[in-house]
Amino acid sequence: MDWVDWSVMVVRVVLVFFVLLIAVLLYIWMERKVIADMQTRVGPMRAGPRGMLVTLADGIKLFFKEGITPTNADRPVYLIAPILAMFPGFLAFCTIPFGEPVELFGRVVPFQITDLNIGILWVLAMTSIGVYGVVLAGWSSGSNYPLLGSVRSSAQMISYEVGMGLALVAVIMWSGHLSMSEIVAQQSGNFALHWHDATLFAVPAWNIFPQFPAFVVFFICALAETNRPPFDLAEAESELVAGFHTEYSGIKFAMFFLGEYVSTVTIAAVGVTLFLGGWHGPWFDGPLSWVGPLLWFLLKITAVIYVMILVRATLPRMRYDRLMQFGWKVLIPFGLLWVMVTGLVVVIPQEYGNQGKFLMFAVMCGTLALALLLAPLFSRGGARSRKEVGA
C-alpha cells in the first residue's frame, strides 16, 4: 500500500466514525418519537427541527456536568471501563460492506473499511469485548450494587453470545464464506420457481428466506447483547439501582450511553449484511450508481431498528431467571438443532443429486415434527404436568 491507499483508508475510517455518530443521534430521536407516538404523546420538540437535536443537547449537557469518582473506586480501571464499552461497536463495523465498490482515480475503493476473510469471527470477537467494559465498570466502582449489576449483565451477555454464535454458524454453513463481502455477493440474484419455462414467482436470494429460524435466533440474541428491551436487565429502571453504571456521571456515563446505541446500529448492520442481502436492491446504472446500494443499506438498517423500537414499546421486561432459562433451555438447543438441519440440507443434495431434494424435504419435516414433540418439555405447562405426575 502506498500513501494514496493509506490516505483513502484514513478518510474511510473518519467518515464511518462520524456517520455512526450522526446515525446514533438520529436513531435515538426516531426511537423517542416512535415510542411517543405509540403512547399518544408528542415526544421531544424543543431542540432543533421537531426535536432532532435533542440527543446532541443531552450529550452537551452530560459533557459539561461534573464527573464524580467514588472514594473506593479503582481509578485507572474506573476510567478505562467506559472506553471499553464504547469502542467495540465501532470496531465491529469495520468489516461490514455498506455499498458497492467504486473506481476513483484508477483505484477500486470499497465501501468498507477492511475486508477480512474472517469477518464474522471479528464481529463475534468485538461483541465479546463489550462484556469487559460492563464487568470492569461494576467491579471498579467500589460499590456492591454496581458489582451485582455487572455480574448479572455479564451472565446475560455471555449466555446469549452462544445462541448468536450458533445462528451465525448456520449462516456460514449455508453461505460457505466467513467474509462479509462474500456473503453479501452470495445473496445477489433471486430465488425463482419455474414451471414449463414460466416463472411463477421470485424472491430476492437473501439468507433470511432459507435461514429464517437462524434470523429469529440472531435477532433475539441481538436484543439481549445490546441490552435492548425486553432484555434490558443490565440497566433496568425498575430495579433497586440502574446497574453496572450506577456510580458513573457526566461524560463517562455518556460514553456508556453512546456505546450501547453504536452497538445497536452495528448489530442491525450485521443482521442486514448476513440475512437481508446487505446493500443489494433495485437501482439504475449511471454516474451515481453507488448511491442506490448505500440508500438500500441505510433503509434496511432503519427497518431493523424500527422493529427493535416496536419490541421495546410493546413487550414487558423479562424476569431475570426466565431470561436465563430462555437462553439456555430454548435458544441454544434450537440453535444446535438448526445447525444440524442446515448441515444436512447443504450436504444431502451434494451427495445424492436430485434424489437429495426429497431427502432434504424429509429431513426438514422430521425436524419440524421433533421440534413440536419436544416443545412441551420447555413450556410451563409441561413443567406443571411433570410436577403433578410426581405428586
Protein backbone atom coordinates (compact mmCIF):
# COMPACT_ATOMS: atom_id res chain seq x y z
CA MET A 1 0.00 0.00 0.00
CA ASP A 2 1.29 3.45 -0.93
CA TRP A 3 0.42 6.81 0.63
CA VAL A 4 -2.70 7.18 -1.54
CA ASP A 5 -4.13 3.90 -0.25
CA TRP A 6 -3.36 4.91 3.32
CA SER A 7 -5.00 8.29 2.75
CA VAL A 8 -8.14 6.66 1.35
CA MET A 9 -8.19 4.29 4.33
CA VAL A 10 -7.95 7.17 6.82
CA VAL A 11 -10.73 9.06 5.03
CA ARG A 12 -12.99 5.97 5.15
CA VAL A 13 -12.33 5.46 8.86
CA VAL A 14 -13.08 9.09 9.71
CA LEU A 15 -16.22 9.16 7.58
CA VAL A 16 -17.56 5.93 9.07
CA PHE A 17 -16.84 7.20 12.60
CA PHE A 18 -18.73 10.46 12.11
CA VAL A 19 -21.56 8.82 10.16
CA LEU A 20 -22.05 6.35 13.02
CA LEU A 21 -22.22 9.23 15.50
CA ILE A 22 -24.79 11.05 13.37
CA ALA A 23 -26.75 7.81 12.90
CA VAL A 24 -26.87 7.33 16.67
CA LEU A 25 -28.26 10.86 17.11
CA LEU A 26 -30.97 10.30 14.51
CA TYR A 27 -31.93 6.80 15.64
CA ILE A 28 -32.28 7.89 19.28
CA TRP A 29 -34.54 10.71 18.10
CA MET A 30 -36.52 8.21 16.00
CA GLU A 31 -36.89 5.89 18.98
CA ARG A 32 -38.21 8.68 21.19
CA LYS A 33 -40.64 9.82 18.52
CA VAL A 34 -41.95 6.33 17.69
CA ILE A 35 -42.47 5.41 21.34
CA ALA A 36 -44.14 8.77 21.99
CA ASP A 37 -46.48 8.17 19.04
CA MET A 38 -47.38 4.70 20.33
CA GLN A 39 -48.12 6.20 23.76
CA THR A 40 -50.15 9.10 22.30
CA ARG A 41 -47.53 11.68 23.18
CA VAL A 42 -45.71 14.31 21.15
CA GLY A 43 -42.16 13.45 22.15
CA PRO A 44 -39.17 15.82 22.05
CA MET A 45 -39.88 19.06 20.17
CA ARG A 46 -37.57 21.72 21.63
CA ALA A 47 -34.03 21.19 20.35
CA GLY A 48 -33.75 21.52 16.57
CA PRO A 49 -36.47 20.95 13.97
CA ARG A 50 -39.09 18.70 15.58
CA GLY A 51 -36.59 17.85 18.34
CA MET A 52 -33.99 16.22 16.07
CA LEU A 53 -31.11 17.70 18.07
CA VAL A 54 -32.37 16.62 21.49
CA THR A 55 -29.74 13.86 21.71
CA LEU A 56 -26.98 16.35 20.90
CA ALA A 57 -28.33 18.63 23.64
CA ASP A 58 -28.26 15.71 26.10
CA GLY A 59 -24.68 14.92 25.12
CA ILE A 60 -23.57 18.55 25.61
CA LYS A 61 -25.32 18.63 28.99
CA LEU A 62 -23.55 15.45 30.14
CA PHE A 63 -20.20 16.69 28.79
CA PHE A 64 -20.30 19.79 31.00
CA LYS A 65 -21.60 18.01 34.08
CA GLU A 66 -19.20 17.40 36.92
CA GLY A 67 -17.64 13.96 36.90
CA ILE A 68 -17.80 12.25 40.29
CA THR A 69 -15.35 9.48 41.21
CA PRO A 70 -16.29 7.29 44.19
CA THR A 71 -13.82 7.18 47.07
CA ASN A 72 -13.36 3.40 46.95
CA ALA A 73 -13.08 3.21 43.16
CA ASP A 74 -10.09 1.69 41.41
CA ARG A 75 -9.40 4.87 39.46
CA PRO A 76 -7.48 3.56 36.37
CA VAL A 77 -9.94 0.73 35.71
CA TYR A 78 -12.86 3.04 36.56
CA LEU A 79 -11.76 5.41 33.76
CA ILE A 80 -10.92 2.69 31.21
CA ALA A 81 -14.25 0.83 31.52
CA PRO A 82 -16.38 3.40 29.59
CA ILE A 83 -13.85 3.32 26.73
CA LEU A 84 -14.00 -0.48 26.58
CA ALA A 85 -17.79 -0.26 26.46
CA MET A 86 -17.84 2.33 23.66
CA PHE A 87 -15.29 1.21 21.05
CA PRO A 88 -16.29 -2.44 20.32
CA GLY A 89 -19.31 -1.21 18.36
CA PHE A 90 -17.11 1.00 16.18
CA LEU A 91 -14.54 -1.77 15.65
CA ALA A 92 -17.16 -4.38 14.73
CA PHE A 93 -18.47 -2.08 11.97
CA CYS A 94 -15.06 -2.14 10.24
CA THR A 95 -15.79 -5.37 8.33
CA ILE A 96 -19.32 -4.51 7.17
CA PRO A 97 -19.72 -3.61 3.46
CA PHE A 98 -22.22 -0.77 3.16
CA GLY A 99 -22.13 -0.14 -0.59
CA GLU A 100 -20.90 -1.27 -3.96
CA PRO A 101 -17.19 -0.63 -4.68
CA VAL A 102 -16.46 2.37 -6.93
CA GLU A 103 -13.49 3.27 -9.11
CA LEU A 104 -11.79 6.51 -8.06
CA PHE A 105 -8.62 7.85 -9.71
CA GLY A 106 -7.95 4.46 -11.27
CA ARG A 107 -8.32 2.63 -7.94
CA VAL A 108 -11.16 0.43 -6.76
CA VAL A 109 -12.41 1.93 -3.48
CA PRO A 110 -14.66 -0.41 -1.48
CA PHE A 111 -17.45 0.94 0.70
CA GLN A 112 -15.93 -1.00 3.59
CA ILE A 113 -13.08 -0.18 5.94
CA THR A 114 -11.43 -3.58 5.62
CA ASP A 115 -12.46 -6.89 4.09
CA LEU A 116 -11.24 -9.56 6.49
CA ASN A 117 -11.50 -13.17 5.37
CA ILE A 118 -12.77 -13.94 8.89
CA GLY A 119 -15.21 -11.05 9.11
CA ILE A 120 -17.87 -12.89 11.11
CA LEU A 121 -15.31 -14.04 13.69
CA TRP A 122 -14.14 -10.43 14.02
CA VAL A 123 -17.69 -9.30 14.77
CA LEU A 124 -18.11 -12.03 17.41
CA ALA A 125 -14.77 -11.08 18.99
CA MET A 126 -15.71 -7.40 19.20
CA THR A 127 -19.12 -8.12 20.72
CA SER A 128 -17.37 -10.29 23.32
CA ILE A 129 -15.05 -7.44 24.31
CA GLY A 130 -18.08 -5.37 25.31
CA VAL A 131 -18.54 -7.68 28.31
CA TYR A 132 -15.22 -6.45 29.77
CA GLY A 133 -16.47 -2.88 29.94
CA VAL A 134 -19.55 -3.99 31.87
CA VAL A 135 -17.63 -6.19 34.34
CA LEU A 136 -14.84 -3.71 34.97
CA ALA A 137 -17.28 -0.82 35.41
CA GLY A 138 -19.19 -2.67 38.12
CA TRP A 139 -16.09 -4.01 39.88
CA SER A 140 -14.03 -0.81 39.80
CA SER A 141 -16.80 1.37 41.24
CA GLY A 142 -16.10 0.07 44.74
CA SER A 143 -19.80 -0.43 45.48
CA ASN A 144 -21.79 -3.61 45.96
CA TYR A 145 -24.80 -2.69 43.82
CA PRO A 146 -22.87 -1.95 40.60
CA LEU A 147 -20.89 -5.16 41.18
CA LEU A 148 -24.08 -7.20 41.43
CA GLY A 149 -25.44 -5.43 38.35
CA SER A 150 -22.28 -6.16 36.35
CA VAL A 151 -22.34 -9.86 37.30
CA ARG A 152 -25.98 -10.08 36.25
CA SER A 153 -25.30 -8.25 32.98
CA SER A 154 -22.20 -10.23 32.07
CA ALA A 155 -24.01 -13.53 32.69
CA GLN A 156 -26.79 -12.40 30.35
CA MET A 157 -24.44 -11.22 27.59
CA ILE A 158 -22.22 -14.32 27.70
CA SER A 159 -25.24 -16.63 27.67
CA TYR A 160 -26.82 -15.06 24.61
CA GLU A 161 -23.49 -14.90 22.78
CA VAL A 162 -23.70 -18.68 22.48
CA GLY A 163 -27.09 -18.54 20.76
CA MET A 164 -25.91 -15.79 18.43
CA GLY A 165 -22.84 -17.82 17.53
CA LEU A 166 -24.99 -20.83 16.63
CA ALA A 167 -27.18 -18.65 14.38
CA LEU A 168 -24.09 -17.33 12.63
CA VAL A 169 -22.70 -20.86 12.23
CA ALA A 170 -25.84 -21.80 10.30
CA VAL A 171 -25.36 -18.79 8.00
CA ILE A 172 -21.69 -19.68 7.49
CA MET A 173 -22.60 -23.25 6.55
CA TRP A 174 -25.28 -22.07 4.13
CA SER A 175 -23.11 -19.37 2.51
CA GLY A 176 -19.78 -21.17 2.61
CA HIS A 177 -17.90 -17.98 3.50
CA LEU A 178 -16.61 -16.12 6.55
CA SER A 179 -16.01 -12.86 4.67
CA MET A 180 -18.80 -10.31 4.93
CA SER A 181 -18.37 -9.13 1.34
CA GLU A 182 -18.53 -12.70 0.04
CA ILE A 183 -21.73 -13.35 1.98
CA VAL A 184 -23.30 -10.20 0.50
CA ALA A 185 -22.20 -11.22 -3.01
CA GLN A 186 -23.70 -14.68 -2.48
CA GLN A 187 -27.11 -13.05 -1.81
CA SER A 188 -27.36 -11.42 -5.24
CA GLY A 189 -29.99 -12.63 -7.69
CA ASN A 190 -33.34 -14.26 -6.97
CA PHE A 191 -34.94 -17.48 -5.78
CA ALA A 192 -37.38 -18.33 -8.58
CA LEU A 193 -39.94 -21.10 -9.05
CA HIS A 194 -40.27 -22.16 -12.70
CA TRP A 195 -42.94 -24.24 -14.39
CA HIS A 196 -42.68 -25.05 -18.11
CA ASP A 197 -40.25 -22.19 -18.77
CA ALA A 198 -42.51 -19.76 -16.93
CA THR A 199 -41.56 -18.05 -13.68
CA LEU A 200 -44.36 -18.48 -11.14
CA PHE A 201 -42.80 -16.22 -8.53
CA ALA A 202 -39.40 -14.93 -7.46
CA VAL A 203 -37.97 -13.51 -4.23
CA PRO A 204 -34.56 -11.97 -3.57
CA ALA A 205 -31.85 -14.52 -2.79
CA TRP A 206 -31.44 -13.23 0.75
CA ASN A 207 -30.44 -15.58 3.53
CA ILE A 208 -33.50 -14.68 5.58
CA PHE A 209 -35.68 -16.94 3.41
CA PRO A 210 -33.76 -20.24 3.75
CA GLN A 211 -32.38 -19.25 7.18
CA PHE A 212 -35.40 -17.62 8.80
CA PRO A 213 -35.10 -19.64 12.06
CA ALA A 214 -31.45 -18.55 12.33
CA PHE A 215 -32.56 -14.94 11.78
CA VAL A 216 -35.10 -15.20 14.61
CA VAL A 217 -32.44 -16.57 16.98
CA PHE A 218 -29.97 -13.90 15.86
CA PHE A 219 -32.49 -11.09 16.36
CA ILE A 220 -33.44 -12.25 19.87
CA CYS A 221 -29.79 -12.62 20.86
CA ALA A 222 -29.01 -9.21 19.32
CA LEU A 223 -31.59 -7.62 21.63
CA ALA A 224 -30.00 -9.33 24.63
CA GLU A 225 -26.43 -8.49 23.56
CA THR A 226 -27.20 -4.79 23.19
CA ASN A 227 -29.28 -4.70 26.40
CA ARG A 228 -32.41 -3.74 24.50
CA PRO A 229 -35.87 -4.36 25.98
CA PRO A 230 -37.23 -6.81 26.95
CA PHE A 231 -33.70 -7.94 27.88
CA ASP A 232 -32.52 -4.66 29.46
CA LEU A 233 -31.81 -6.16 32.88
CA ALA A 234 -28.36 -4.55 32.66
CA GLU A 235 -29.88 -1.12 33.32
CA ALA A 236 -33.45 -1.76 34.36
CA GLU A 237 -35.03 1.42 35.71
CA SER A 238 -37.48 -0.55 37.84
CA GLU A 239 -34.70 -2.34 39.71
CA LEU A 240 -33.27 -1.19 43.03
CA VAL A 241 -30.42 0.55 41.18
CA ALA A 242 -29.72 1.12 37.49
CA GLY A 243 -26.97 -1.48 37.22
CA PHE A 244 -23.25 -1.52 36.46
CA HIS A 245 -23.05 2.23 35.64
CA THR A 246 -24.75 3.45 38.83
CA GLU A 247 -21.61 5.24 40.07
CA TYR A 248 -20.88 6.96 36.74
CA SER A 249 -21.86 10.50 35.83
CA GLY A 250 -21.09 13.18 33.27
CA ILE A 251 -19.16 12.30 30.15
CA LYS A 252 -18.30 8.81 31.41
CA PHE A 253 -21.99 7.93 31.63
CA ALA A 254 -22.49 9.43 28.15
CA MET A 255 -19.84 7.04 26.81
CA PHE A 256 -21.83 4.05 28.10
CA PHE A 257 -24.95 5.51 26.52
CA LEU A 258 -23.17 6.11 23.21
CA GLY A 259 -21.59 2.65 23.20
CA GLU A 260 -24.95 0.97 23.67
CA TYR A 261 -26.55 2.73 20.72
CA VAL A 262 -23.50 2.34 18.48
CA SER A 263 -23.66 -1.38 19.21
CA THR A 264 -27.36 -1.32 18.32
CA VAL A 265 -26.63 0.26 14.92
CA THR A 266 -23.75 -2.16 14.35
CA ILE A 267 -25.74 -5.27 15.23
CA ALA A 268 -28.54 -4.09 12.93
CA ALA A 269 -25.95 -3.65 10.16
CA VAL A 270 -24.66 -7.17 10.80
CA GLY A 271 -28.19 -8.56 10.53
CA VAL A 272 -28.75 -6.68 7.27
CA THR A 273 -25.45 -7.97 5.89
CA LEU A 274 -25.96 -11.61 6.82
CA PHE A 275 -29.69 -12.05 6.28
CA LEU A 276 -31.19 -9.17 4.26
CA GLY A 277 -28.86 -9.04 1.29
CA GLY A 278 -26.64 -6.22 2.51
CA TRP A 279 -26.63 -3.33 0.06
CA HIS A 280 -28.38 -5.27 -2.73
CA GLY A 281 -31.53 -3.70 -4.13
CA PRO A 282 -33.03 -2.40 -7.37
CA TRP A 283 -31.32 0.71 -8.75
CA PHE A 284 -30.39 2.27 -12.07
CA ASP A 285 -26.96 2.36 -13.67
CA GLY A 286 -25.32 5.70 -14.22
CA PRO A 287 -22.79 8.18 -12.84
CA LEU A 288 -24.38 7.96 -9.38
CA SER A 289 -24.92 4.20 -9.34
CA TRP A 290 -23.11 3.98 -5.99
CA VAL A 291 -25.87 5.98 -4.27
CA GLY A 292 -28.52 3.29 -4.67
CA PRO A 293 -26.77 0.49 -2.76
CA LEU A 294 -25.90 2.92 0.05
CA LEU A 295 -29.51 4.08 0.33
CA TRP A 296 -30.79 0.49 0.35
CA PHE A 297 -28.34 -0.38 3.12
CA LEU A 298 -29.46 2.59 5.24
CA LEU A 299 -33.13 1.79 4.58
CA LYS A 300 -32.71 -1.81 5.72
CA ILE A 301 -30.86 -0.76 8.89
CA THR A 302 -33.65 1.71 9.66
CA ALA A 303 -36.26 -1.03 9.21
CA VAL A 304 -34.42 -3.39 11.59
CA ILE A 305 -34.01 -0.67 14.23
CA TYR A 306 -37.67 0.25 13.82
CA VAL A 307 -38.62 -3.35 14.68
CA MET A 308 -36.35 -3.12 17.75
CA ILE A 309 -38.18 0.03 18.80
CA LEU A 310 -41.56 -1.68 18.37
CA VAL A 311 -40.35 -4.55 20.55
CA ARG A 312 -39.32 -2.06 23.24
CA ALA A 313 -42.69 -0.31 23.10
CA THR A 314 -44.83 -3.47 23.24
CA LEU A 315 -43.12 -6.18 25.32
CA PRO A 316 -42.62 -6.04 29.11
CA ARG A 317 -39.24 -6.62 30.70
CA MET A 318 -38.46 -10.27 31.41
CA ARG A 319 -37.73 -11.61 34.85
CA TYR A 320 -34.07 -12.49 35.19
CA ASP A 321 -34.48 -16.20 35.88
CA ARG A 322 -36.81 -16.56 32.90
CA LEU A 323 -34.36 -14.62 30.75
CA MET A 324 -31.54 -17.04 31.55
CA GLN A 325 -33.83 -20.06 31.24
CA PHE A 326 -35.00 -18.93 27.80
CA GLY A 327 -31.42 -18.50 26.61
CA TRP A 328 -30.05 -21.83 27.82
CA LYS A 329 -33.10 -24.10 27.52
CA VAL A 330 -34.72 -22.75 24.35
CA LEU A 331 -32.41 -20.72 22.12
CA ILE A 332 -29.26 -22.81 22.45
CA PRO A 333 -30.95 -26.23 21.91
CA PHE A 334 -32.92 -24.81 18.98
CA GLY A 335 -29.73 -23.27 17.55
CA LEU A 336 -27.93 -26.61 17.75
CA LEU A 337 -30.86 -28.35 16.08
CA TRP A 338 -30.96 -25.79 13.28
CA VAL A 339 -27.19 -26.10 12.70
CA MET A 340 -27.68 -29.84 12.26
CA VAL A 341 -30.58 -29.28 9.85
CA THR A 342 -28.57 -26.74 7.85
CA GLY A 343 -25.67 -29.17 7.59
CA LEU A 344 -27.94 -31.91 6.27
CA VAL A 345 -29.66 -29.57 3.81
CA VAL A 346 -26.29 -28.43 2.47
CA VAL A 347 -24.66 -31.86 2.27
CA ILE A 348 -27.51 -34.13 1.09
CA PRO A 349 -28.07 -32.53 -2.38
CA GLN A 350 -24.31 -32.59 -2.97
CA GLU A 351 -24.11 -36.30 -2.20
CA TYR A 352 -27.38 -37.60 -3.69
CA GLY A 353 -28.20 -35.13 -6.50
CA ASN A 354 -31.89 -34.75 -7.38
CA GLN A 355 -32.84 -37.57 -5.02
CA GLY A 356 -31.30 -35.50 -2.26
CA LYS A 357 -34.04 -32.89 -2.62
CA PHE A 358 -36.63 -35.42 -1.46
CA LEU A 359 -34.34 -36.48 1.39
CA MET A 360 -33.86 -32.83 2.30
CA PHE A 361 -37.63 -32.33 2.42
CA ALA A 362 -37.98 -35.43 4.62
CA VAL A 363 -35.26 -34.16 6.96
CA MET A 364 -36.98 -30.79 7.34
CA CYS A 365 -40.35 -32.42 8.04
CA GLY A 366 -38.77 -34.76 10.58
CA THR A 367 -37.04 -31.86 12.27
CA LEU A 368 -40.31 -29.93 12.50
CA ALA A 369 -42.05 -32.96 14.00
CA LEU A 370 -39.23 -33.39 16.53
CA ALA A 371 -39.42 -29.71 17.49
CA LEU A 372 -43.19 -29.95 18.02
CA LEU A 373 -42.68 -33.09 20.11
CA LEU A 374 -40.05 -31.51 22.36
CA ALA A 375 -41.70 -28.08 22.68
CA PRO A 376 -43.97 -29.06 25.63
CA LEU A 377 -40.90 -30.05 27.64
CA PHE A 378 -39.76 -26.41 27.68
CA SER A 379 -43.15 -24.89 28.41
CA ARG A 380 -44.57 -24.03 31.80
CA GLY A 381 -47.49 -26.36 31.18
CA GLY A 382 -45.11 -29.27 30.71
CA ALA A 383 -43.35 -28.40 33.96
CA ARG A 384 -46.66 -28.32 35.85
CA SER A 385 -47.74 -31.66 34.39
CA ARG A 386 -44.46 -33.27 35.42
CA LYS A 387 -44.92 -31.96 38.97
CA GLU A 388 -48.46 -33.33 39.08
CA VAL A 389 -47.25 -36.74 37.90
CA GLY A 390 -44.51 -36.70 40.56
CA ALA A 391 -47.01 -35.74 43.23
